[in-house]
PDB file of N, CA and C in Angstrom:
ATOM      1  N   MET A   1       0.838  -1.187   0.000  1.00  0.00           N
ATOM      2  CA  MET A   1       0.000   0.000   0.000  1.00  0.00           C
ATOM      3  C   MET A   1       0.882   1.249   0.000  1.00  0.00           C
ATOM      4  N   PRO A   2       0.564   2.276  -0.819  1.00  0.00           N
ATOM      5  CA  PRO A   2       1.422   3.466  -0.890  1.00  0.00           C
ATOM      6  C   PRO A   2       1.310   4.333   0.363  1.00  0.00           C
ATOM      7  N   LYS A   3       2.298   5.188   0.522  1.00  0.00           N
ATOM      8  CA  LYS A   3       2.296   6.106   1.664  1.00  0.00           C
ATOM      9  C   LYS A   3       1.185   7.133   1.522  1.00  0.00           C
ATOM     10  N   MET A   4       0.688   7.616   2.667  1.00  0.00           N
ATOM     11  CA  MET A   4      -0.314   8.692   2.666  1.00  0.00           C
ATOM     12  C   MET A   4       0.395  10.015   2.376  1.00  0.00           C
ATOM     13  N   LYS A   5      -0.203  10.833   1.549  1.00  0.00           N
ATOM     14  CA  LYS A   5       0.361  12.165   1.304  1.00  0.00           C
ATOM     15  C   LYS A   5      -0.068  13.087   2.422  1.00  0.00           C
ATOM     16  N   SER A   6       0.824  14.007   2.819  1.00  0.00           N
ATOM     17  CA  SER A   6       0.450  14.983   3.836  1.00  0.00           C
ATOM     18  C   SER A   6      -0.335  16.107   3.164  1.00  0.00           C
ATOM     19  N   HIS A   7      -1.227  16.710   3.904  1.00  0.00           N
ATOM     20  CA  HIS A   7      -2.128  17.730   3.395  1.00  0.00           C
ATOM     21  C   HIS A   7      -1.387  19.060   3.271  1.00  0.00           C
ATOM     22  N   SER A   8      -1.287  19.601   2.049  1.00  0.00           N
ATOM     23  CA  SER A   8      -0.480  20.800   1.801  1.00  0.00           C
ATOM     24  C   SER A   8      -0.993  22.008   2.569  1.00  0.00           C
ATOM     25  N   GLY A   9      -2.318  22.170   2.650  1.00  0.00           N
ATOM     26  CA  GLY A   9      -2.884  23.305   3.379  1.00  0.00           C
ATOM     27  C   GLY A   9      -2.584  23.232   4.858  1.00  0.00           C
ATOM     28  N   SER A  10      -2.589  22.031   5.403  1.00  0.00           N
ATOM     29  CA  SER A  10      -2.305  21.857   6.827  1.00  0.00           C
ATOM     30  C   SER A  10      -0.843  22.143   7.143  1.00  0.00           C
ATOM     31  N   LYS A  11       0.048  21.778   6.219  1.00  0.00           N
ATOM     32  CA  LYS A  11       1.471  22.039   6.442  1.00  0.00           C
ATOM     33  C   LYS A  11       1.721  23.534   6.603  1.00  0.00           C
ATOM     34  N   LYS A  12       0.949  24.352   5.865  1.00  0.00           N
ATOM     35  CA  LYS A  12       1.146  25.796   5.913  1.00  0.00           C
ATOM     36  C   LYS A  12       0.510  26.434   7.148  1.00  0.00           C
ATOM     37  N   ARG A  13      -0.527  25.816   7.686  1.00  0.00           N
ATOM     38  CA  ARG A  13      -1.297  26.434   8.768  1.00  0.00           C
ATOM     39  C   ARG A  13      -0.910  25.984  10.165  1.00  0.00           C
ATOM     40  N   PHE A  14      -0.450  24.754  10.303  1.00  0.00           N
ATOM     41  CA  PHE A  14      -0.212  24.192  11.628  1.00  0.00           C
ATOM     42  C   PHE A  14       1.249  23.798  11.789  1.00  0.00           C
ATOM     43  N   LYS A  15       1.710  23.810  13.053  1.00  0.00           N
ATOM     44  CA  LYS A  15       3.093  23.466  13.337  1.00  0.00           C
ATOM     45  C   LYS A  15       3.127  22.482  14.495  1.00  0.00           C
ATOM     46  N   LYS A  16       3.916  21.419  14.333  1.00  0.00           N
ATOM     47  CA  LYS A  16       4.053  20.430  15.391  1.00  0.00           C
ATOM     48  C   LYS A  16       5.124  20.903  16.367  1.00  0.00           C
ATOM     49  N   MET A  17       4.798  20.930  17.663  1.00  0.00           N
ATOM     50  CA  MET A  17       5.721  21.391  18.686  1.00  0.00           C
ATOM     51  C   MET A  17       6.558  20.213  19.189  1.00  0.00           C
ATOM     52  N   GLY A  18       7.581  20.512  19.968  1.00  0.00           N
ATOM     53  CA  GLY A  18       8.454  19.475  20.502  1.00  0.00           C
ATOM     54  C   GLY A  18       7.724  18.497  21.400  1.00  0.00           C
ATOM     55  N   SER A  19       6.691  18.983  22.089  1.00  0.00           N
ATOM     56  CA  SER A  19       5.925  18.129  23.007  1.00  0.00           C
ATOM     57  C   SER A  19       4.972  17.201  22.260  1.00  0.00           C
ATOM     58  N   GLY A  20       4.810  17.422  20.938  1.00  0.00           N
ATOM     59  CA  GLY A  20       3.888  16.607  20.154  1.00  0.00           C
ATOM     60  C   GLY A  20       2.553  17.280  19.918  1.00  0.00           C
ATOM     61  N   LYS A  21       2.304  18.407  20.627  1.00  0.00           N
ATOM     62  CA  LYS A  21       1.060  19.143  20.422  1.00  0.00           C
ATOM     63  C   LYS A  21       1.147  19.924  19.118  1.00  0.00           C
ATOM     64  N   ILE A  22      -0.003  20.320  18.608  1.00  0.00           N
ATOM     65  CA  ILE A  22      -0.043  21.048  17.339  1.00  0.00           C
ATOM     66  C   ILE A  22      -0.522  22.473  17.606  1.00  0.00           C
ATOM     67  N   LYS A  23       0.245  23.436  17.112  1.00  0.00           N
ATOM     68  CA  LYS A  23      -0.043  24.846  17.319  1.00  0.00           C
ATOM     69  C   LYS A  23      -0.773  25.412  16.110  1.00  0.00           C
ATOM     70  N   ARG A  24      -1.695  26.333  16.355  1.00  0.00           N
ATOM     71  CA  ARG A  24      -2.430  26.979  15.273  1.00  0.00           C
ATOM     72  C   ARG A  24      -2.624  28.445  15.621  1.00  0.00           C
ATOM     73  N   ALA A  25      -2.972  29.248  14.629  1.00  0.00           N
ATOM     74  CA  ALA A  25      -3.264  30.667  14.854  1.00  0.00           C
ATOM     75  C   ALA A  25      -4.713  30.813  15.291  1.00  0.00           C
ATOM     76  N   LYS A  26      -4.994  31.852  16.059  1.00  0.00           N
ATOM     77  CA  LYS A  26      -6.363  32.096  16.502  1.00  0.00           C
ATOM     78  C   LYS A  26      -7.160  32.768  15.383  1.00  0.00           C
ATOM     79  N   ALA A  27      -8.455  32.577  15.419  1.00  0.00           N
ATOM     80  CA  ALA A  27      -9.346  33.134  14.401  1.00  0.00           C
ATOM     81  C   ALA A  27      -9.769  34.557  14.767  1.00  0.00           C
ATOM     82  N   PHE A  28     -10.459  35.224  13.852  1.00  0.00           N
ATOM     83  CA  PHE A  28     -11.053  36.554  14.048  1.00  0.00           C
ATOM     84  C   PHE A  28     -10.025  37.668  14.177  1.00  0.00           C
ATOM     85  N   ARG A  29      -8.888  37.535  13.484  1.00  0.00           N
ATOM     86  CA  ARG A  29      -7.871  38.565  13.585  1.00  0.00           C
ATOM     87  C   ARG A  29      -7.724  39.367  12.300  1.00  0.00           C
ATOM     88  N   ARG A  30      -8.287  38.914  11.208  1.00  0.00           N
ATOM     89  CA  ARG A  30      -7.971  39.473   9.891  1.00  0.00           C
ATOM     90  C   ARG A  30      -8.620  40.833   9.601  1.00  0.00           C
ATOM     91  N   HIS A  31      -9.913  40.977   9.850  1.00  0.00           N
ATOM     92  CA  HIS A  31     -10.626  42.182   9.419  1.00  0.00           C
ATOM     93  C   HIS A  31     -11.270  42.891  10.616  1.00  0.00           C
ATOM     94  N   HIS A  32     -11.731  44.095  10.362  1.00  0.00           N
ATOM     95  CA  HIS A  32     -12.498  44.890  11.341  1.00  0.00           C
ATOM     96  C   HIS A  32     -11.744  45.123  12.638  1.00  0.00           C
ATOM     97  N   ALA A  33     -10.485  45.534  12.521  1.00  0.00           N
ATOM     98  CA  ALA A  33      -9.692  45.797  13.719  1.00  0.00           C
ATOM     99  C   ALA A  33     -10.268  46.978  14.503  1.00  0.00           C
ATOM    100  N   TRP A  34     -10.964  47.868  13.825  1.00  0.00           N
ATOM    101  CA  TRP A  34     -11.542  49.035  14.503  1.00  0.00           C
ATOM    102  C   TRP A  34     -12.630  48.628  15.488  1.00  0.00           C
ATOM    103  N   ALA A  35     -13.217  47.477  15.285  1.00  0.00           N
ATOM    104  CA  ALA A  35     -14.304  47.036  16.162  1.00  0.00           C
ATOM    105  C   ALA A  35     -13.781  46.255  17.368  1.00  0.00           C
ATOM    106  N   LYS A  36     -12.466  45.951  17.386  1.00  0.00           N
ATOM    107  CA  LYS A  36     -11.886  45.197  18.495  1.00  0.00           C
ATOM    108  C   LYS A  36     -10.971  46.118  19.287  1.00  0.00           C
ATOM    109  N   ASN A  37     -10.994  45.978  20.610  1.00  0.00           N
ATOM    110  CA  ASN A  37     -10.092  46.812  21.401  1.00  0.00           C
ATOM    111  C   ASN A  37      -8.688  46.207  21.416  1.00  0.00           C
ATOM    112  N   GLY A  38      -7.716  46.967  21.918  1.00  0.00           N
ATOM    113  CA  GLY A  38      -6.318  46.548  21.881  1.00  0.00           C
ATOM    114  C   GLY A  38      -6.066  45.261  22.621  1.00  0.00           C
ATOM    115  N   LYS A  39      -6.768  45.075  23.741  1.00  0.00           N
ATOM    116  CA  LYS A  39      -6.587  43.856  24.529  1.00  0.00           C
ATOM    117  C   LYS A  39      -6.952  42.616  23.711  1.00  0.00           C
ATOM    118  N   LYS A  40      -8.063  42.690  22.998  1.00  0.00           N
ATOM    119  CA  LYS A  40      -8.520  41.562  22.187  1.00  0.00           C
ATOM    120  C   LYS A  40      -7.523  41.249  21.078  1.00  0.00           C
ATOM    121  N   ILE A  41      -6.999  42.274  20.406  1.00  0.00           N
ATOM    122  CA  ILE A  41      -6.055  42.070  19.314  1.00  0.00           C
ATOM    123  C   ILE A  41      -4.757  41.450  19.840  1.00  0.00           C
ATOM    124  N   ARG A  42      -4.292  41.897  21.020  1.00  0.00           N
ATOM    125  CA  ARG A  42      -3.088  41.323  21.626  1.00  0.00           C
ATOM    126  C   ARG A  42      -3.290  39.851  21.960  1.00  0.00           C
ATOM    127  N   GLN A  43      -4.463  39.515  22.473  1.00  0.00           N
ATOM    128  CA  GLN A  43      -4.735  38.123  22.840  1.00  0.00           C
ATOM    129  C   GLN A  43      -4.818  37.222  21.610  1.00  0.00           C
ATOM    130  N   LEU A  44      -5.304  37.762  20.498  1.00  0.00           N
ATOM    131  CA  LEU A  44      -5.408  36.974  19.273  1.00  0.00           C
ATOM    132  C   LEU A  44      -4.040  36.720  18.632  1.00  0.00           C
ATOM    133  N   ARG A  45      -3.035  37.527  19.004  1.00  0.00           N
ATOM    134  CA  ARG A  45      -1.710  37.396  18.435  1.00  0.00           C
ATOM    135  C   ARG A  45      -1.054  36.068  18.815  1.00  0.00           C
ATOM    136  N   SER A  46      -1.280  35.622  20.046  1.00  0.00           N
ATOM    137  CA  SER A  46      -0.638  34.392  20.512  1.00  0.00           C
ATOM    138  C   SER A  46      -1.304  33.177  19.869  1.00  0.00           C
ATOM    139  N   GLY A  47      -0.534  32.112  19.720  1.00  0.00           N
ATOM    140  CA  GLY A  47      -1.072  30.897  19.129  1.00  0.00           C
ATOM    141  C   GLY A  47      -1.882  30.100  20.151  1.00  0.00           C
ATOM    142  N   GLU A  48      -2.415  28.987  19.680  1.00  0.00           N
ATOM    143  CA  GLU A  48      -3.225  28.132  20.535  1.00  0.00           C
ATOM    144  C   GLU A  48      -2.975  26.689  20.121  1.00  0.00           C
ATOM    145  N   HIS A  49      -3.202  25.754  21.042  1.00  0.00           N
ATOM    146  CA  HIS A  49      -3.023  24.336  20.739  1.00  0.00           C
ATOM    147  C   HIS A  49      -4.374  23.684  20.476  1.00  0.00           C
ATOM    148  N   PHE A  50      -4.364  22.661  19.627  1.00  0.00           N
ATOM    149  CA  PHE A  50      -5.581  21.881  19.398  1.00  0.00           C
ATOM    150  C   PHE A  50      -5.868  21.040  20.631  1.00  0.00           C
ATOM    151  N   GLN A  51      -7.134  20.680  20.810  1.00  0.00           N
ATOM    152  CA  GLN A  51      -7.511  19.860  21.948  1.00  0.00           C
ATOM    153  C   GLN A  51      -8.368  18.694  21.486  1.00  0.00           C
ATOM    154  N   GLY A  52      -8.187  17.560  22.150  1.00  0.00           N
ATOM    155  CA  GLY A  52      -9.055  16.409  21.966  1.00  0.00           C
ATOM    156  C   GLY A  52      -9.068  15.833  20.564  1.00  0.00           C
ATOM    157  N   THR A  53     -10.267  15.605  20.069  1.00  0.00           N
ATOM    158  CA  THR A  53     -10.456  14.928  18.782  1.00  0.00           C
ATOM    159  C   THR A  53      -9.900  15.742  17.628  1.00  0.00           C
ATOM    160  N   ASN A  54      -9.983  17.058  17.709  1.00  0.00           N
ATOM    161  CA  ASN A  54      -9.454  17.901  16.633  1.00  0.00           C
ATOM    162  C   ASN A  54      -7.968  17.659  16.427  1.00  0.00           C
ATOM    163  N   GLU A  55      -7.240  17.475  17.521  1.00  0.00           N
ATOM    164  CA  GLU A  55      -5.801  17.256  17.414  1.00  0.00           C
ATOM    165  C   GLU A  55      -5.511  15.953  16.667  1.00  0.00           C
ATOM    166  N   LYS A  56      -6.265  14.912  16.936  1.00  0.00           N
ATOM    167  CA  LYS A  56      -6.074  13.627  16.259  1.00  0.00           C
ATOM    168  C   LYS A  56      -6.342  13.762  14.773  1.00  0.00           C
ATOM    169  N   ARG A  57      -7.385  14.528  14.412  1.00  0.00           N
ATOM    170  CA  ARG A  57      -7.726  14.717  13.002  1.00  0.00           C
ATOM    171  C   ARG A  57      -6.612  15.438  12.259  1.00  0.00           C
ATOM    172  N   VAL A  58      -6.055  16.483  12.887  1.00  0.00           N
ATOM    173  CA  VAL A  58      -5.011  17.278  12.229  1.00  0.00           C
ATOM    174  C   VAL A  58      -3.710  16.489  12.141  1.00  0.00           C
ATOM    175  N   GLN A  59      -3.414  15.658  13.134  1.00  0.00           N
ATOM    176  CA  GLN A  59      -2.184  14.875  13.092  1.00  0.00           C
ATOM    177  C   GLN A  59      -2.148  13.920  11.919  1.00  0.00           C
ATOM    178  N   LYS A  60      -3.296  13.454  11.493  1.00  0.00           N
ATOM    179  CA  LYS A  60      -3.360  12.579  10.321  1.00  0.00           C
ATOM    180  C   LYS A  60      -2.989  13.330   9.048  1.00  0.00           C
ATOM    181  N   LEU A  61      -3.248  14.634   9.028  1.00  0.00           N
ATOM    182  CA  LEU A  61      -2.983  15.439   7.841  1.00  0.00           C
ATOM    183  C   LEU A  61      -1.526  15.859   7.719  1.00  0.00           C
ATOM    184  N   LEU A  62      -0.829  15.967   8.860  1.00  0.00           N
ATOM    185  CA  LEU A  62       0.542  16.456   8.852  1.00  0.00           C
ATOM    186  C   LEU A  62       1.549  15.326   8.611  1.00  0.00           C
ATOM    187  N   PRO A  63       2.720  15.673   8.079  1.00  0.00           N
ATOM    188  CA  PRO A  63       3.763  14.645   7.914  1.00  0.00           C
ATOM    189  C   PRO A  63       4.313  14.242   9.271  1.00  0.00           C
ATOM    190  N   ASN A  64       4.927  13.077   9.333  1.00  0.00           N
ATOM    191  CA  ASN A  64       5.439  12.576  10.627  1.00  0.00           C
ATOM    192  C   ASN A  64       6.604  13.347  11.120  1.00  0.00           C
TER     193      ASN A  64
END
């Protein structure tokens, strides 16, 4: 059976950390900055880790 190809879009969006967790960017940061206060924009800057079932799904898409 041939090897599974890794998902190109996932390679660009997610990063595997040393601990094995997968890091992603937070949503709602792209548009309408005038409607968000500075605190909200600062909090959206930091990344976030996947949790539970979502992490398992994304790990299948990424290369080993």
